[in-house]
Each structure stands twice: as C-alpha cells, then as structure tokens.
Protein backbone atom coordinates (compact mmCIF):
# COMPACT_ATOMS: atom_id res chain seq x y z
CA MET A 1 77.97 -26.67 24.70
CA ASN A 2 75.70 -29.58 25.60
CA VAL A 3 72.22 -30.77 24.71
CA PHE A 4 70.59 -28.92 27.61
CA ARG A 5 72.15 -25.59 26.73
CA LEU A 6 71.31 -26.03 23.05
CA ALA A 7 67.72 -26.95 23.92
CA GLY A 8 67.54 -23.93 26.24
CA ASP A 9 68.88 -21.57 23.58
CA MET A 10 66.49 -22.91 20.95
CA THR A 11 63.55 -22.65 23.36
CA HIS A 12 64.51 -19.06 24.15
CA LEU A 13 64.78 -18.32 20.44
CA LEU A 14 61.42 -19.98 19.80
CA SER A 15 59.79 -17.80 22.47
CA ILE A 16 60.96 -14.70 20.61
CA VAL A 17 59.75 -16.13 17.28
CA VAL A 18 56.32 -16.76 18.83
CA LEU A 19 56.15 -13.20 20.16
CA LEU A 20 57.25 -11.65 16.86
CA LEU A 21 54.76 -13.86 15.03
CA LYS A 22 51.98 -12.54 17.24
CA ILE A 23 53.03 -8.92 16.79
CA HIS A 24 53.77 -9.06 13.06
CA SER A 25 50.95 -11.30 11.83
CA MET A 26 48.18 -10.15 14.18
CA LYS A 27 49.42 -6.55 14.36
CA SER A 28 48.78 -6.73 18.07
CA CYS A 29 50.78 -6.64 21.28
CA ALA A 30 47.78 -7.10 23.54
CA GLY A 31 48.79 -8.86 26.75
CA ILE A 32 52.48 -8.11 26.24
CA SER A 33 54.33 -5.95 28.76
CA LEU A 34 56.45 -3.23 27.18
CA LYS A 35 58.14 -2.84 30.57
CA THR A 36 59.43 -6.41 30.45
CA GLN A 37 60.60 -6.00 26.85
CA GLU A 38 62.51 -2.83 27.75
CA LEU A 39 64.19 -4.66 30.62
CA TYR A 40 65.24 -7.42 28.21
CA VAL A 41 66.84 -4.81 25.94
CA LEU A 42 68.89 -3.61 28.90
CA VAL A 43 69.75 -7.22 29.82
CA PHE A 44 71.09 -8.05 26.36
CA VAL A 45 72.92 -4.75 25.85
CA THR A 46 74.83 -5.05 29.12
CA ARG A 47 75.49 -8.77 28.67
CA TYR A 48 76.76 -8.59 25.12
CA LEU A 49 79.00 -5.52 25.24
CA ASP A 50 81.86 -7.85 24.32
CA ILE A 51 80.35 -8.80 20.98
CA PHE A 52 82.94 -6.79 19.03
CA THR A 53 85.92 -7.52 21.27
CA ILE A 54 85.71 -11.19 22.32
CA TYR A 55 85.10 -14.02 19.86
CA VAL A 56 83.96 -17.32 21.34
CA SER A 57 82.39 -19.07 18.37
CA PHE A 58 80.28 -18.37 15.29
CA TYR A 59 77.23 -19.79 17.09
CA ASN A 60 77.82 -17.57 20.12
CA THR A 61 78.19 -14.42 18.00
CA VAL A 62 75.09 -15.15 15.92
CA MET A 63 72.95 -15.76 19.00
CA LYS A 64 74.14 -12.50 20.56
CA ILE A 65 73.21 -10.57 17.43
CA VAL A 66 69.83 -12.30 17.17
CA PHE A 67 68.87 -11.53 20.77
CA LEU A 68 70.00 -7.90 20.48
CA VAL A 69 68.23 -7.26 17.17
CA THR A 70 64.99 -9.01 18.12
CA SER A 71 64.73 -7.31 21.53
CA PHE A 72 65.09 -3.86 19.95
CA THR A 73 62.65 -4.86 17.19
CA ILE A 74 59.96 -5.88 19.68
CA VAL A 75 60.28 -2.61 21.60
CA TRP A 76 60.19 -0.64 18.34
CA TYR A 77 56.98 -2.39 17.27
CA MET A 78 55.32 -1.71 20.59
CA ARG A 79 56.39 1.90 20.81
CA TYR A 80 56.36 3.16 17.24
CA HIS A 81 54.45 0.90 14.82
CA LYS A 82 51.32 2.87 13.96
CA VAL A 83 48.99 -0.14 14.30
CA VAL A 84 50.69 -2.32 16.93
CA ARG A 85 51.22 0.49 19.41
CA GLN A 86 47.47 1.13 19.52
CA THR A 87 46.92 -2.37 20.93
CA TYR A 88 49.34 -1.86 23.83
CA ASP A 89 47.45 -1.76 27.12
CA LYS A 90 49.33 1.02 28.82
CA ASP A 91 46.75 1.42 31.57
CA GLN A 92 47.27 -2.17 32.74
CA ASP A 93 51.05 -2.32 32.25
CA THR A 94 51.89 -0.06 35.17
CA PHE A 95 54.59 -2.02 36.97
CA ARG A 96 57.38 0.41 37.89
CA HIS A 97 60.11 -1.53 36.15
CA TYR A 98 62.74 1.14 36.71
CA LEU A 99 62.64 0.23 40.41
CA LEU A 100 64.18 -3.13 39.51
CA VAL A 101 67.19 -1.66 37.73
CA LEU A 102 68.98 0.16 40.55
CA PRO A 103 68.83 -2.67 43.14
CA CYS A 104 70.15 -5.12 40.53
CA PHE A 105 73.01 -2.78 39.66
CA VAL A 106 73.91 -2.17 43.30
CA LEU A 107 73.83 -5.92 43.94
CA ALA A 108 76.14 -6.44 40.95
CA LEU A 109 78.57 -3.90 42.42
CA LEU A 110 78.57 -5.78 45.71
CA ILE A 111 78.46 -9.40 44.52
CA HIS A 112 80.40 -10.22 41.37
CA ARG A 113 83.12 -12.53 40.13
CA ASN A 114 85.70 -9.86 39.24
CA PHE A 115 85.51 -6.12 39.76
CA THR A 116 85.79 -5.05 36.12
CA MET A 117 83.25 -3.12 34.08
CA ARG A 118 82.50 -6.10 31.83
CA GLU A 119 82.07 -8.52 34.74
CA VAL A 120 79.90 -6.13 36.77
CA LEU A 121 77.63 -5.46 33.78
CA TRP A 122 77.46 -9.17 32.97
CA THR A 123 76.47 -9.88 36.59
CA PHE A 124 73.95 -7.03 36.48
CA SER A 125 72.37 -8.58 33.38
CA LEU A 126 71.91 -11.89 35.22
CA TYR A 127 70.28 -10.24 38.23
CA LEU A 128 68.02 -8.11 36.03
CA GLU A 129 66.99 -11.02 33.81
CA ALA A 130 65.94 -12.93 36.92
CA VAL A 131 63.24 -10.35 37.69
CA ALA A 132 62.54 -8.88 34.23
CA ILE A 133 59.49 -11.13 33.79
CA LEU A 134 57.69 -9.56 36.79
CA PRO A 135 55.92 -6.78 34.81
CA GLN A 136 54.71 -9.39 32.31
CA LEU A 137 53.35 -11.69 35.01
CA VAL A 138 51.61 -8.81 36.76
CA LEU A 139 50.04 -7.72 33.48
CA LEU A 140 48.75 -11.25 32.79
CA GLN A 141 47.14 -11.35 36.23
CA ARG A 142 45.35 -8.10 35.46
CA VAL A 143 44.07 -8.97 31.99
CA ARG A 144 43.30 -12.56 33.09
CA ASN A 145 42.15 -13.74 29.65
CA ILE A 146 45.35 -14.73 27.86
CA ASP A 147 45.53 -15.61 24.16
CA ASN A 148 47.39 -18.75 23.11
CA LEU A 149 50.42 -17.03 21.58
CA THR A 150 51.01 -14.87 24.65
CA GLY A 151 50.64 -17.87 26.96
CA ASN A 152 53.01 -19.95 24.82
CA TYR A 153 55.52 -17.10 24.72
CA VAL A 154 55.70 -16.85 28.52
CA PHE A 155 55.75 -20.63 28.89
CA LEU A 156 58.70 -20.94 26.49
CA LEU A 157 60.59 -18.23 28.39
CA GLY A 158 60.15 -20.21 31.59
CA ALA A 159 61.03 -23.48 29.87
CA TYR A 160 64.27 -21.97 28.54
CA ARG A 161 65.40 -21.08 32.04
CA THR A 162 64.37 -24.50 33.37
CA LEU A 163 66.49 -26.20 30.69
CA TYR A 164 69.43 -24.02 31.71
CA ILE A 165 69.20 -25.44 35.22
CA PHE A 166 69.80 -28.90 33.75
CA ASN A 167 72.66 -27.38 31.75
CA TRP A 168 74.28 -26.13 34.96
CA ILE A 169 73.84 -29.52 36.65
CA TYR A 170 75.43 -31.24 33.66
CA ARG A 171 78.36 -28.81 33.60
CA TYR A 172 78.88 -29.14 37.36
CA VAL A 173 79.19 -32.91 36.99
CA THR A 174 81.39 -32.85 33.87
CA GLU A 175 83.58 -29.77 34.50
CA ASN A 176 85.43 -30.57 37.72
CA HIS A 177 82.56 -29.50 39.99
CA GLN A 178 83.03 -25.79 39.33
CA LEU A 179 80.77 -23.58 41.43
CA ARG A 180 78.88 -20.77 39.64
CA TRP A 181 76.79 -19.28 42.41
CA ILE A 182 75.78 -16.07 40.62
CA PRO A 183 74.12 -17.60 37.52
CA TRP A 184 72.78 -20.52 39.57
CA THR A 185 71.06 -18.32 42.15
CA SER A 186 69.74 -15.88 39.55
CA GLY A 187 68.43 -18.73 37.43
CA LEU A 188 66.68 -20.40 40.34
CA VAL A 189 65.00 -17.12 41.33
CA GLN A 190 63.91 -16.58 37.74
CA THR A 191 62.52 -20.11 37.42
CA ALA A 192 60.68 -19.83 40.75
CA LEU A 193 58.85 -16.73 39.49
CA TYR A 194 57.32 -18.87 36.74
CA ALA A 195 56.04 -21.56 39.12
CA ASP A 196 52.54 -20.11 39.51
CA PHE A 197 52.23 -19.48 35.78
CA PHE A 198 53.36 -23.04 34.98
CA TYR A 199 50.68 -24.42 37.27
CA TYR A 200 47.84 -22.56 35.55
CA TYR A 201 49.33 -23.15 32.09
CA PHE A 202 49.36 -26.93 32.53
CA LYS A 203 45.99 -26.83 34.27
CA SER A 204 44.41 -25.04 31.29
CA TRP A 205 46.11 -27.45 28.87
CA LYS A 206 44.89 -30.50 30.82
CA ASN A 207 41.32 -29.21 31.04
CA GLN A 208 41.42 -27.83 27.48
CA LYS A 209 40.33 -24.41 28.67
CA LYS A 210 41.59 -20.92 27.95
CA LEU A 211 44.49 -19.86 30.16
CA GLN A 212 43.48 -17.57 33.01
CA LEU A 213 45.51 -16.36 35.96
CA PRO A 214 43.94 -15.39 39.30
CA SER A 215 43.85 -11.67 39.94
C-alpha cells in the first residue's frame, strides 16, 4: 500500500459513488453504457474469485466486496428498475461488447504469469478491464451532449487508472525493481483510451462549457 494506490482506489470508489448517485437520485441512466457495466461485472467476478479463500487484509476484502456489490447493483438498476431502465438508450448503446471477451480470454491463456485457473482469470480481468470502457466512450460520442455526473464518472475512472501508473512506478523503485509487464501494459492501454476524453473534458472545464465529444 502507498499513497498512489490509496488515491487510485478512492478515486475508483468515488467514480462508482458518482454513478450510483446519478442513477439513484435522478432515476436515470441516460448516457451510461450497460455494455460497459456488464463487462465490469465480469472483470470483478473473475478477479475476486479468491475472496473466500485468500485473506490479504481487511481493507482488501472490503474493497473487493464493495466493487462486486456495486457493479451488480448498477447492472440491476439499468436492467430491472422500473423507472431507471426506461432511461437507458439501448438504440445508441450498440457496441458488441461480447466481441471483447473472447480475445481477452485467449490472450490470458497465452500470456500469463502462472498457468493456473486463478492466475489466468486474474490476467483475463486485467485485459478485459483495459478495454471495458470502449462501449461507454462510443456511446458518449454518439449522444454528444454529456451531463456533468456522467462526465465526472468517466473522468474519475480514467483518473483512477492514471494514479495506478504512479503506484506502479513507486513500487518499481521501492520493491527491488520487480517487473510486472501484464498489469503495466494493460494499464497503459486503458489509460491511453481515455486520452481523447481527457482532452475534451479539460477543454470544457477551461472554457466553462458543457462537455461534448466529436462524433
């Protein structure tokens, strides 16, 4: 644990709080991709299979439970809540997210740290998380007009991953220069996908205008 990882975890947690606040208080999921949220469910389920078998720390266990419960809650709201589900823009959220799952799984079978079920699924979760934001970014390009909570949610997701890059740099320097190519590469790919969004987010903030992405 270090300040960068803690800041990254709290930023990630805050992004989920912002999204749940939007869904629960506004009774709306407009501008939110169900496809991305379903991919996050798969990411957390495959990453945290060890929750009942391996104990690292109280903090670690609590965070695993929080991410699992909140990811399922968001999907439930968007799929089954009688009011929220009516605000879901199914016609715009058409990214074929299932096409991301198989390549990530095959890549995890080929490139992993150890060939065990837990390690392969953990690696798969890293690869899938790297690209899980794609349906959300595509949806934002299509709707163009983005409300503040949705924009802040996506920004915080990107900021969390950026902070984790500093966490990896810090750990590399302080932990005998250990190489962790799989999380490093996945994290860099994930952060790069946010680059365009970050540009327009800061541009709208600087000019005090509503966030819009080019179609």
